[in-house]
Amino acid sequence: MLPKLFSSGDFFLPTYGLLVATGVLLGLMVTTRLGRRKGMDPETITNLVLYVVFAGMIGAKLAMFVFDWGYYAQRPQEIFTLATLQAAGVFQGGLVLSLIVAWWYVRREKLDFLPVADVFAPGLALGHAIGRLGCFAAGCCYGAYCERPWAVRYTNPDAAAVSGTPLGVPLHPTQLYESVAELVLFGILYRMSGRAQRPGTLIGLYLTVYSAVRFLVEFVRHHEQSLQGGLSLTQWMSLGFAVAGTVYLWRASKAKSAQAVL
């Protein structure tokens, strides 16, 4: 589509990077606003966002190297290329490391993890939705061959050069599938955040719904991961996150039921 928003000589402004930065900023704004509503310190929330963002970037790249280790083991020089730097990585890998870092930070600041995680859930959904638009513009994370009327065809040589996107071939717009789902999820979570919820409800709903969406999208997404038990590693991770989200929702519903009885 449009991997380079602006270029002059060797310099160019990547559309993906700009949209990811926009998603981070808007997600930060939403998270800070919700944190203030819950009486949380804005500085603490901002610092945690920065920790989570950097952890997400590192975790996504590390997961990409692990999942495609056969490729990178034969071409170790590719790890340090511009194409690798611009690659989106594996979101679930970033989510794993982000949750670990968030848990560590929350414990260090002597906060309760679930209420903080609930504050982050809507902003996370919004930021990810905008980031996926960046993926769509860059041509990365593209879909498999598609014969549907909504199939997309990439024609920009930069997309092929940077992301290896096939040109002139009708593909599933998997990036848009995720982006639309995340935007809808953001709307639901943001609306729910305005009402009293048991701790763990919002982050549980985010993990469950997004993981289900990602699990299904993987069936129409192009990737070179080897299948394990008929599923990609990303799908197995999605199942794990869905289970975690379901547990959070179950605990929240049990606590609500117990409170109603009392």
C-alpha atoms as a PDB file:
ATOM      1  CA  MET A   1       0.000   0.000   0.000  1.00  0.00           C
ATOM      2  CA  LEU A   2       2.123   2.871   1.311  1.00  0.00           C
ATOM      3  CA  PRO A   3       5.173   1.662   3.296  1.00  0.00           C
ATOM      4  CA  LYS A   4       6.865   5.065   3.005  1.00  0.00           C
ATOM      5  CA  LEU A   5       4.749   8.064   3.890  1.00  0.00           C
ATOM      6  CA  PHE A   6       7.462  10.477   2.800  1.00  0.00           C
ATOM      7  CA  SER A   7      10.875   9.989   1.218  1.00  0.00           C
ATOM      8  CA  SER A   8      13.747  12.223   0.182  1.00  0.00           C
ATOM      9  CA  GLY A   9      16.893  10.564  -1.069  1.00  0.00           C
ATOM     10  CA  ASP A  10      17.863   7.846   1.407  1.00  0.00           C
ATOM     11  CA  PHE A  11      15.641   9.284   4.105  1.00  0.00           C
ATOM     12  CA  PHE A  12      12.043   8.147   4.449  1.00  0.00           C
ATOM     13  CA  LEU A  13       9.281   8.268   7.035  1.00  0.00           C
ATOM     14  CA  PRO A  14       7.796   4.772   7.463  1.00  0.00           C
ATOM     15  CA  THR A  15       4.014   4.711   7.646  1.00  0.00           C
ATOM     16  CA  TYR A  16       4.167   1.736   9.973  1.00  0.00           C
ATOM     17  CA  GLY A  17       6.367   3.532  12.486  1.00  0.00           C
ATOM     18  CA  LEU A  18       4.219   6.656  12.432  1.00  0.00           C
ATOM     19  CA  LEU A  19       0.996   4.723  13.008  1.00  0.00           C
ATOM     20  CA  VAL A  20       2.520   2.628  15.774  1.00  0.00           C
ATOM     21  CA  ALA A  21       3.719   5.808  17.508  1.00  0.00           C
ATOM     22  CA  THR A  22       0.232   7.287  17.069  1.00  0.00           C
ATOM     23  CA  GLY A  23      -1.320   4.173  18.569  1.00  0.00           C
ATOM     24  CA  VAL A  24       1.018   4.332  21.564  1.00  0.00           C
ATOM     25  CA  LEU A  25       0.214   7.991  22.209  1.00  0.00           C
ATOM     26  CA  LEU A  26      -3.555   7.544  21.904  1.00  0.00           C
ATOM     27  CA  GLY A  27      -3.403   4.413  24.042  1.00  0.00           C
ATOM     28  CA  LEU A  28      -1.432   6.373  26.640  1.00  0.00           C
ATOM     29  CA  MET A  29      -4.033   9.151  26.625  1.00  0.00           C
ATOM     30  CA  VAL A  30      -6.876   6.691  27.157  1.00  0.00           C
ATOM     31  CA  THR A  31      -5.013   4.782  29.872  1.00  0.00           C
ATOM     32  CA  THR A  32      -4.041   7.954  31.736  1.00  0.00           C
ATOM     33  CA  ARG A  33      -7.617   9.235  31.631  1.00  0.00           C
ATOM     34  CA  LEU A  34      -9.019   5.955  32.965  1.00  0.00           C
ATOM     35  CA  GLY A  35      -6.275   5.824  35.591  1.00  0.00           C
ATOM     36  CA  ARG A  36      -7.262   9.262  36.871  1.00  0.00           C
ATOM     37  CA  ARG A  37     -10.870   8.108  37.131  1.00  0.00           C
ATOM     38  CA  LYS A  38      -9.710   5.260  39.360  1.00  0.00           C
ATOM     39  CA  GLY A  39      -7.571   7.587  41.496  1.00  0.00           C
ATOM     40  CA  MET A  40      -4.235   6.308  40.160  1.00  0.00           C
ATOM     41  CA  ASP A  41      -1.141   8.495  39.919  1.00  0.00           C
ATOM     42  CA  PRO A  42      -0.791   9.699  36.270  1.00  0.00           C
ATOM     43  CA  GLU A  43       3.017   9.628  36.478  1.00  0.00           C
ATOM     44  CA  THR A  44       2.991   6.026  37.644  1.00  0.00           C
ATOM     45  CA  ILE A  45       0.657   5.055  34.800  1.00  0.00           C
ATOM     46  CA  THR A  46       2.792   6.904  32.227  1.00  0.00           C
ATOM     47  CA  ASN A  47       5.974   5.211  33.446  1.00  0.00           C
ATOM     48  CA  LEU A  48       4.278   1.832  33.298  1.00  0.00           C
ATOM     49  CA  VAL A  49       3.112   2.511  29.726  1.00  0.00           C
ATOM     50  CA  LEU A  50       6.693   3.236  28.673  1.00  0.00           C
ATOM     51  CA  TYR A  51       7.954   0.054  30.338  1.00  0.00           C
ATOM     52  CA  VAL A  52       5.201  -1.975  28.685  1.00  0.00           C
ATOM     53  CA  VAL A  53       5.795  -0.460  25.232  1.00  0.00           C
ATOM     54  CA  PHE A  54       9.526  -1.193  25.259  1.00  0.00           C
ATOM     55  CA  ALA A  55       8.931  -4.674  26.651  1.00  0.00           C
ATOM     56  CA  GLY A  56       6.351  -5.288  23.939  1.00  0.00           C
ATOM     57  CA  MET A  57       8.752  -4.271  21.177  1.00  0.00           C
ATOM     58  CA  ILE A  58      11.527  -6.476  22.536  1.00  0.00           C
ATOM     59  CA  GLY A  59       9.232  -9.430  23.219  1.00  0.00           C
ATOM     60  CA  ALA A  60       7.666  -9.264  19.747  1.00  0.00           C
ATOM     61  CA  LYS A  61      11.092  -9.330  18.086  1.00  0.00           C
ATOM     62  CA  LEU A  62      12.391 -12.150  20.290  1.00  0.00           C
ATOM     63  CA  ALA A  63       9.312 -14.255  19.528  1.00  0.00           C
ATOM     64  CA  MET A  64       9.795 -13.594  15.821  1.00  0.00           C
ATOM     65  CA  PHE A  65      13.362 -14.898  16.029  1.00  0.00           C
ATOM     66  CA  VAL A  66      12.272 -17.968  17.991  1.00  0.00           C
ATOM     67  CA  PHE A  67       9.342 -18.812  15.707  1.00  0.00           C
ATOM     68  CA  ASP A  68      11.431 -18.370  12.542  1.00  0.00           C
ATOM     69  CA  TRP A  69      14.692 -19.662  14.008  1.00  0.00           C
ATOM     70  CA  GLY A  70      15.319 -21.986  11.072  1.00  0.00           C
ATOM     71  CA  TYR A  71      15.441 -18.949   8.771  1.00  0.00           C
ATOM     72  CA  TYR A  72      17.549 -16.728  11.038  1.00  0.00           C
ATOM     73  CA  ALA A  73      19.942 -19.534  12.001  1.00  0.00           C
ATOM     74  CA  GLN A  74      20.916 -19.843   8.342  1.00  0.00           C
ATOM     75  CA  ARG A  75      20.982 -16.060   7.822  1.00  0.00           C
ATOM     76  CA  PRO A  76      22.129 -14.510  11.135  1.00  0.00           C
ATOM     77  CA  GLN A  77      23.019 -11.286   9.344  1.00  0.00           C
ATOM     78  CA  GLU A  78      19.299 -10.727   8.710  1.00  0.00           C
ATOM     79  CA  ILE A  79      18.778 -10.089  12.434  1.00  0.00           C
ATOM     80  CA  PHE A  80      20.492  -6.714  12.144  1.00  0.00           C
ATOM     81  CA  THR A  81      18.910  -5.507   8.902  1.00  0.00           C
ATOM     82  CA  LEU A  82      16.510  -2.622   8.393  1.00  0.00           C
ATOM     83  CA  ALA A  83      13.804  -5.052   7.255  1.00  0.00           C
ATOM     84  CA  THR A  84      14.011  -6.904  10.583  1.00  0.00           C
ATOM     85  CA  LEU A  85      13.915  -3.639  12.495  1.00  0.00           C
ATOM     86  CA  GLN A  86      10.767  -2.572  10.643  1.00  0.00           C
ATOM     87  CA  ALA A  87       9.070  -5.965  10.981  1.00  0.00           C
ATOM     88  CA  ALA A  88       6.136  -6.005  13.389  1.00  0.00           C
ATOM     89  CA  GLY A  89       7.254  -9.170  15.166  1.00  0.00           C
ATOM     90  CA  VAL A  90       4.894 -11.547  16.961  1.00  0.00           C
ATOM     91  CA  PHE A  91       2.349  -9.622  19.023  1.00  0.00           C
ATOM     92  CA  GLN A  92       1.787 -12.449  21.510  1.00  0.00           C
ATOM     93  CA  GLY A  93       5.502 -12.493  22.298  1.00  0.00           C
ATOM     94  CA  GLY A  94       5.323  -8.799  23.072  1.00  0.00           C
ATOM     95  CA  LEU A  95       2.207  -9.338  25.172  1.00  0.00           C
ATOM     96  CA  VAL A  96       3.909 -12.036  27.253  1.00  0.00           C
ATOM     97  CA  LEU A  97       6.935  -9.870  28.081  1.00  0.00           C
ATOM     98  CA  SER A  98       4.730  -6.805  28.630  1.00  0.00           C
ATOM     99  CA  LEU A  99       2.601  -8.651  31.188  1.00  0.00           C
ATOM    100  CA  ILE A 100       5.712  -9.908  32.982  1.00  0.00           C
ATOM    101  CA  VAL A 101       7.220  -6.412  33.135  1.00  0.00           C
ATOM    102  CA  ALA A 102       3.869  -4.899  34.181  1.00  0.00           C
ATOM    103  CA  TRP A 103       3.526  -7.464  36.977  1.00  0.00           C
ATOM    104  CA  TRP A 104       7.062  -6.661  38.190  1.00  0.00           C
ATOM    105  CA  TYR A 105       6.465  -2.894  38.067  1.00  0.00           C
ATOM    106  CA  VAL A 106       3.108  -3.108  39.828  1.00  0.00           C
ATOM    107  CA  ARG A 107       4.617  -5.195  42.613  1.00  0.00           C
ATOM    108  CA  ARG A 108       7.497  -2.742  42.952  1.00  0.00           C
ATOM    109  CA  GLU A 109       5.057   0.151  43.278  1.00  0.00           C
ATOM    110  CA  LYS A 110       2.892  -1.884  45.699  1.00  0.00           C
ATOM    111  CA  LEU A 111      -0.210  -1.691  43.509  1.00  0.00           C
ATOM    112  CA  ASP A 112      -2.914  -4.273  42.778  1.00  0.00           C
ATOM    113  CA  PHE A 113      -2.241  -5.919  39.415  1.00  0.00           C
ATOM    114  CA  LEU A 114      -5.787  -6.572  38.189  1.00  0.00           C
ATOM    115  CA  PRO A 115      -7.194  -3.033  38.649  1.00  0.00           C
ATOM    116  CA  VAL A 116      -4.153  -1.629  36.851  1.00  0.00           C
ATOM    117  CA  ALA A 117      -4.484  -4.216  34.078  1.00  0.00           C
ATOM    118  CA  ASP A 118      -8.146  -3.274  33.666  1.00  0.00           C
ATOM    119  CA  VAL A 119      -7.158   0.381  33.210  1.00  0.00           C
ATOM    120  CA  PHE A 120      -4.723  -0.662  30.474  1.00  0.00           C
ATOM    121  CA  ALA A 121      -7.090  -2.934  28.545  1.00  0.00           C
ATOM    122  CA  PRO A 122      -9.010  -0.311  26.487  1.00  0.00           C
ATOM    123  CA  GLY A 123      -5.852   1.625  25.577  1.00  0.00           C
ATOM    124  CA  LEU A 124      -4.124  -1.606  24.603  1.00  0.00           C
ATOM    125  CA  ALA A 125      -6.963  -2.482  22.238  1.00  0.00           C
ATOM    126  CA  LEU A 126      -6.939   0.999  20.674  1.00  0.00           C
ATOM    127  CA  GLY A 127      -3.170   1.133  20.261  1.00  0.00           C
ATOM    128  CA  HIS A 128      -3.083  -2.316  18.703  1.00  0.00           C
ATOM    129  CA  ALA A 129      -5.894  -1.429  16.285  1.00  0.00           C
ATOM    130  CA  ILE A 130      -3.961   1.577  15.000  1.00  0.00           C
ATOM    131  CA  GLY A 131      -0.726  -0.401  14.874  1.00  0.00           C
ATOM    132  CA  ARG A 132      -2.391  -2.999  12.650  1.00  0.00           C
ATOM    133  CA  LEU A 133      -3.251  -0.224  10.208  1.00  0.00           C
ATOM    134  CA  GLY A 134       0.492   0.390  10.073  1.00  0.00           C
ATOM    135  CA  CYS A 135       1.009  -3.277   9.248  1.00  0.00           C
ATOM    136  CA  PHE A 136      -1.545  -2.967   6.457  1.00  0.00           C
ATOM    137  CA  ALA A 137       0.221   0.084   5.022  1.00  0.00           C
ATOM    138  CA  ALA A 138       3.633  -1.600   5.173  1.00  0.00           C
ATOM    139  CA  GLY A 139       2.429  -4.919   3.773  1.00  0.00           C
ATOM    140  CA  CYS A 140       3.685  -6.989   6.689  1.00  0.00           C
ATOM    141  CA  CYS A 141       1.585  -9.689   8.397  1.00  0.00           C
ATOM    142  CA  TYR A 142      -0.258 -10.139   5.110  1.00  0.00           C
ATOM    143  CA  GLY A 143      -2.923 -12.747   4.469  1.00  0.00           C
ATOM    144  CA  ALA A 144      -3.135 -15.858   2.345  1.00  0.00           C
ATOM    145  CA  TYR A 145      -4.528 -16.004  -1.187  1.00  0.00           C
ATOM    146  CA  CYS A 146      -8.111 -14.755  -1.248  1.00  0.00           C
ATOM    147  CA  GLU A 147     -10.878 -14.908  -3.850  1.00  0.00           C
ATOM    148  CA  ARG A 148     -13.345 -12.794  -1.869  1.00  0.00           C
ATOM    149  CA  PRO A 149     -14.553  -9.391  -3.140  1.00  0.00           C
ATOM    150  CA  TRP A 150     -12.707  -7.630  -0.302  1.00  0.00           C
ATOM    151  CA  ALA A 151      -9.312  -9.100  -1.205  1.00  0.00           C
ATOM    152  CA  VAL A 152      -6.448  -6.601  -1.464  1.00  0.00           C
ATOM    153  CA  ARG A 153      -3.595  -6.466  -3.967  1.00  0.00           C
ATOM    154  CA  TYR A 154      -0.263  -4.898  -3.102  1.00  0.00           C
ATOM    155  CA  THR A 155       1.469  -3.103  -5.951  1.00  0.00           C
ATOM    156  CA  ASN A 156       4.114  -1.005  -4.191  1.00  0.00           C
ATOM    157  CA  PRO A 157       7.642  -2.469  -4.703  1.00  0.00           C
ATOM    158  CA  ASP A 158       8.652  -1.156  -1.267  1.00  0.00           C
ATOM    159  CA  ALA A 159       6.228  -3.596   0.353  1.00  0.00           C
ATOM    160  CA  ALA A 160       7.892  -6.492  -1.457  1.00  0.00           C
ATOM    161  CA  ALA A 161      11.386  -5.235  -0.638  1.00  0.00           C
ATOM    162  CA  VAL A 162      10.777  -4.642   3.076  1.00  0.00           C
ATOM    163  CA  SER A 163       8.183  -7.275   4.006  1.00  0.00           C
ATOM    164  CA  GLY A 164       8.382  -9.777   1.157  1.00  0.00           C
ATOM    165  CA  THR A 165       4.766  -9.066   0.292  1.00  0.00           C
ATOM    166  CA  PRO A 166       3.650 -10.707  -2.994  1.00  0.00           C
ATOM    167  CA  LEU A 167       2.624  -8.071  -5.523  1.00  0.00           C
ATOM    168  CA  GLY A 168      -0.490  -8.234  -7.692  1.00  0.00           C
ATOM    169  CA  VAL A 169      -1.895 -11.225  -5.792  1.00  0.00           C
ATOM    170  CA  PRO A 170      -5.332 -11.039  -4.095  1.00  0.00           C
ATOM    171  CA  LEU A 171      -4.779 -11.515  -0.365  1.00  0.00           C
ATOM    172  CA  HIS A 172      -6.869 -11.611   2.776  1.00  0.00           C
ATOM    173  CA  PRO A 173      -6.580  -8.207   4.526  1.00  0.00           C
ATOM    174  CA  THR A 174      -5.762  -9.923   7.806  1.00  0.00           C
ATOM    175  CA  GLN A 175      -4.368  -6.714   9.273  1.00  0.00           C
ATOM    176  CA  LEU A 176      -7.754  -5.035   8.780  1.00  0.00           C
ATOM    177  CA  TYR A 177      -9.590  -8.017  10.253  1.00  0.00           C
ATOM    178  CA  GLU A 178      -7.638  -7.558  13.479  1.00  0.00           C
ATOM    179  CA  SER A 179      -7.814  -3.773  13.392  1.00  0.00           C
ATOM    180  CA  VAL A 180     -11.609  -3.689  13.065  1.00  0.00           C
ATOM    181  CA  ALA A 181     -12.023  -6.313  15.789  1.00  0.00           C
ATOM    182  CA  GLU A 182      -9.719  -4.360  18.114  1.00  0.00           C
ATOM    183  CA  LEU A 183     -11.611  -1.101  17.468  1.00  0.00           C
ATOM    184  CA  VAL A 184     -14.914  -2.773  18.318  1.00  0.00           C
ATOM    185  CA  LEU A 185     -13.331  -4.316  21.405  1.00  0.00           C
ATOM    186  CA  PHE A 186     -11.951  -0.920  22.425  1.00  0.00           C
ATOM    187  CA  GLY A 187     -15.427   0.596  22.217  1.00  0.00           C
ATOM    188  CA  ILE A 188     -16.880  -2.156  24.394  1.00  0.00           C
ATOM    189  CA  LEU A 189     -14.095  -1.983  26.982  1.00  0.00           C
ATOM    190  CA  TYR A 190     -14.121   1.803  27.151  1.00  0.00           C
ATOM    191  CA  ARG A 191     -17.874   1.855  27.702  1.00  0.00           C
ATOM    192  CA  MET A 192     -17.615  -0.834  30.369  1.00  0.00           C
ATOM    193  CA  SER A 193     -14.856   1.098  32.129  1.00  0.00           C
ATOM    194  CA  GLY A 194     -17.373   3.826  32.949  1.00  0.00           C
ATOM    195  CA  ARG A 195     -19.300   1.382  35.136  1.00  0.00           C
ATOM    196  CA  ALA A 196     -18.199  -0.436  38.264  1.00  0.00           C
ATOM    197  CA  GLN A 197     -16.549  -3.751  37.376  1.00  0.00           C
ATOM    198  CA  ARG A 198     -14.907  -6.436  39.450  1.00  0.00           C
ATOM    199  CA  PRO A 199     -11.083  -6.447  39.112  1.00  0.00           C
ATOM    200  CA  GLY A 200      -9.966  -8.570  36.180  1.00  0.00           C
ATOM    201  CA  THR A 201     -13.123  -8.111  34.115  1.00  0.00           C
ATOM    202  CA  LEU A 202     -11.726  -5.789  31.428  1.00  0.00           C
ATOM    203  CA  ILE A 203      -8.324  -7.427  31.007  1.00  0.00           C
ATOM    204  CA  GLY A 204     -10.041 -10.824  31.055  1.00  0.00           C
ATOM    205  CA  LEU A 205     -12.433  -9.780  28.312  1.00  0.00           C
ATOM    206  CA  TYR A 206      -9.589  -8.306  26.254  1.00  0.00           C
ATOM    207  CA  LEU A 207      -7.443 -11.443  26.473  1.00  0.00           C
ATOM    208  CA  THR A 208     -10.363 -13.753  25.702  1.00  0.00           C
ATOM    209  CA  VAL A 209     -11.865 -11.850  22.764  1.00  0.00           C
ATOM    210  CA  TYR A 210      -8.628 -10.782  21.095  1.00  0.00           C
ATOM    211  CA  SER A 211      -7.144 -14.262  21.426  1.00  0.00           C
ATOM    212  CA  ALA A 212     -10.232 -15.772  19.786  1.00  0.00           C
ATOM    213  CA  VAL A 213      -9.973 -13.271  16.921  1.00  0.00           C
ATOM    214  CA  ARG A 214      -6.261 -13.908  16.436  1.00  0.00           C
ATOM    215  CA  PHE A 215      -6.787 -17.672  16.560  1.00  0.00           C
ATOM    216  CA  LEU A 216      -9.309 -17.464  13.707  1.00  0.00           C
ATOM    217  CA  VAL A 217      -7.342 -14.935  11.643  1.00  0.00           C
ATOM    218  CA  GLU A 218      -4.332 -17.251  11.656  1.00  0.00           C
ATOM    219  CA  PHE A 219      -6.229 -19.668   9.404  1.00  0.00           C
ATOM    220  CA  VAL A 220      -6.228 -17.088   6.588  1.00  0.00           C
ATOM    221  CA  ARG A 221      -2.869 -15.496   7.298  1.00  0.00           C
ATOM    222  CA  HIS A 222       0.361 -16.246   5.467  1.00  0.00           C
ATOM    223  CA  HIS A 223       3.176 -17.383   7.710  1.00  0.00           C
ATOM    224  CA  GLU A 224       6.066 -19.797   7.540  1.00  0.00           C
ATOM    225  CA  GLN A 225       5.730 -21.224  11.031  1.00  0.00           C
ATOM    226  CA  SER A 226       5.753 -24.980  11.308  1.00  0.00           C
ATOM    227  CA  LEU A 227       2.504 -26.449  12.603  1.00  0.00           C
ATOM    228  CA  GLN A 228       2.366 -28.198  15.940  1.00  0.00           C
ATOM    229  CA  GLY A 229      -0.650 -30.441  16.345  1.00  0.00           C
ATOM    230  CA  GLY A 230      -2.255 -28.842  13.299  1.00  0.00           C
ATOM    231  CA  LEU A 231      -1.956 -25.309  14.716  1.00  0.00           C
ATOM    232  CA  SER A 232       0.661 -22.573  14.462  1.00  0.00           C
ATOM    233  CA  LEU A 233       2.658 -21.544  17.521  1.00  0.00           C
ATOM    234  CA  THR A 234       0.777 -18.248  17.473  1.00  0.00           C
ATOM    235  CA  GLN A 235      -2.515 -20.118  17.723  1.00  0.00           C
ATOM    236  CA  TRP A 236      -1.268 -22.137  20.671  1.00  0.00           C
ATOM    237  CA  MET A 237      -0.245 -18.925  22.405  1.00  0.00           C
ATOM    238  CA  SER A 238      -3.665 -17.460  21.633  1.00  0.00           C
ATOM    239  CA  LEU A 239      -5.304 -20.442  23.286  1.00  0.00           C
ATOM    240  CA  GLY A 240      -3.134 -19.898  26.349  1.00  0.00           C
ATOM    241  CA  PHE A 241      -4.109 -16.226  26.578  1.00  0.00           C
ATOM    242  CA  ALA A 242      -7.769 -17.109  26.053  1.00  0.00           C
ATOM    243  CA  VAL A 243      -7.612 -19.532  28.988  1.00  0.00           C
ATOM    244  CA  ALA A 244      -5.974 -16.852  31.166  1.00  0.00           C
ATOM    245  CA  GLY A 245      -8.633 -14.334  30.159  1.00  0.00           C
ATOM    246  CA  THR A 246     -11.416 -16.809  30.895  1.00  0.00           C
ATOM    247  CA  VAL A 247      -9.965 -17.458  34.342  1.00  0.00           C
ATOM    248  CA  TYR A 248      -9.925 -13.722  35.087  1.00  0.00           C
ATOM    249  CA  LEU A 249     -13.538 -13.401  33.955  1.00  0.00           C
ATOM    250  CA  TRP A 250     -14.585 -16.421  36.007  1.00  0.00           C
ATOM    251  CA  ARG A 251     -12.909 -15.073  39.147  1.00  0.00           C
ATOM    252  CA  ALA A 252     -14.510 -11.662  38.609  1.00  0.00           C
ATOM    253  CA  SER A 253     -17.964 -13.226  38.201  1.00  0.00           C
ATOM    254  CA  LYS A 254     -17.456 -15.380  41.314  1.00  0.00           C
ATOM    255  CA  ALA A 255     -16.443 -12.333  43.347  1.00  0.00           C
ATOM    256  CA  LYS A 256     -19.464 -10.425  42.060  1.00  0.00           C
ATOM    257  CA  SER A 257     -21.775 -13.315  42.911  1.00  0.00           C
ATOM    258  CA  ALA A 258     -20.309 -13.593  46.399  1.00  0.00           C
ATOM    259  CA  GLN A 259     -20.745  -9.856  46.949  1.00  0.00           C
ATOM    260  CA  ALA A 260     -24.369 -10.057  45.784  1.00  0.00           C
ATOM    261  CA  VAL A 261     -25.065 -12.835  48.273  1.00  0.00           C
ATOM    262  CA  LEU A 262     -23.537 -10.829  51.115  1.00  0.00           C
END
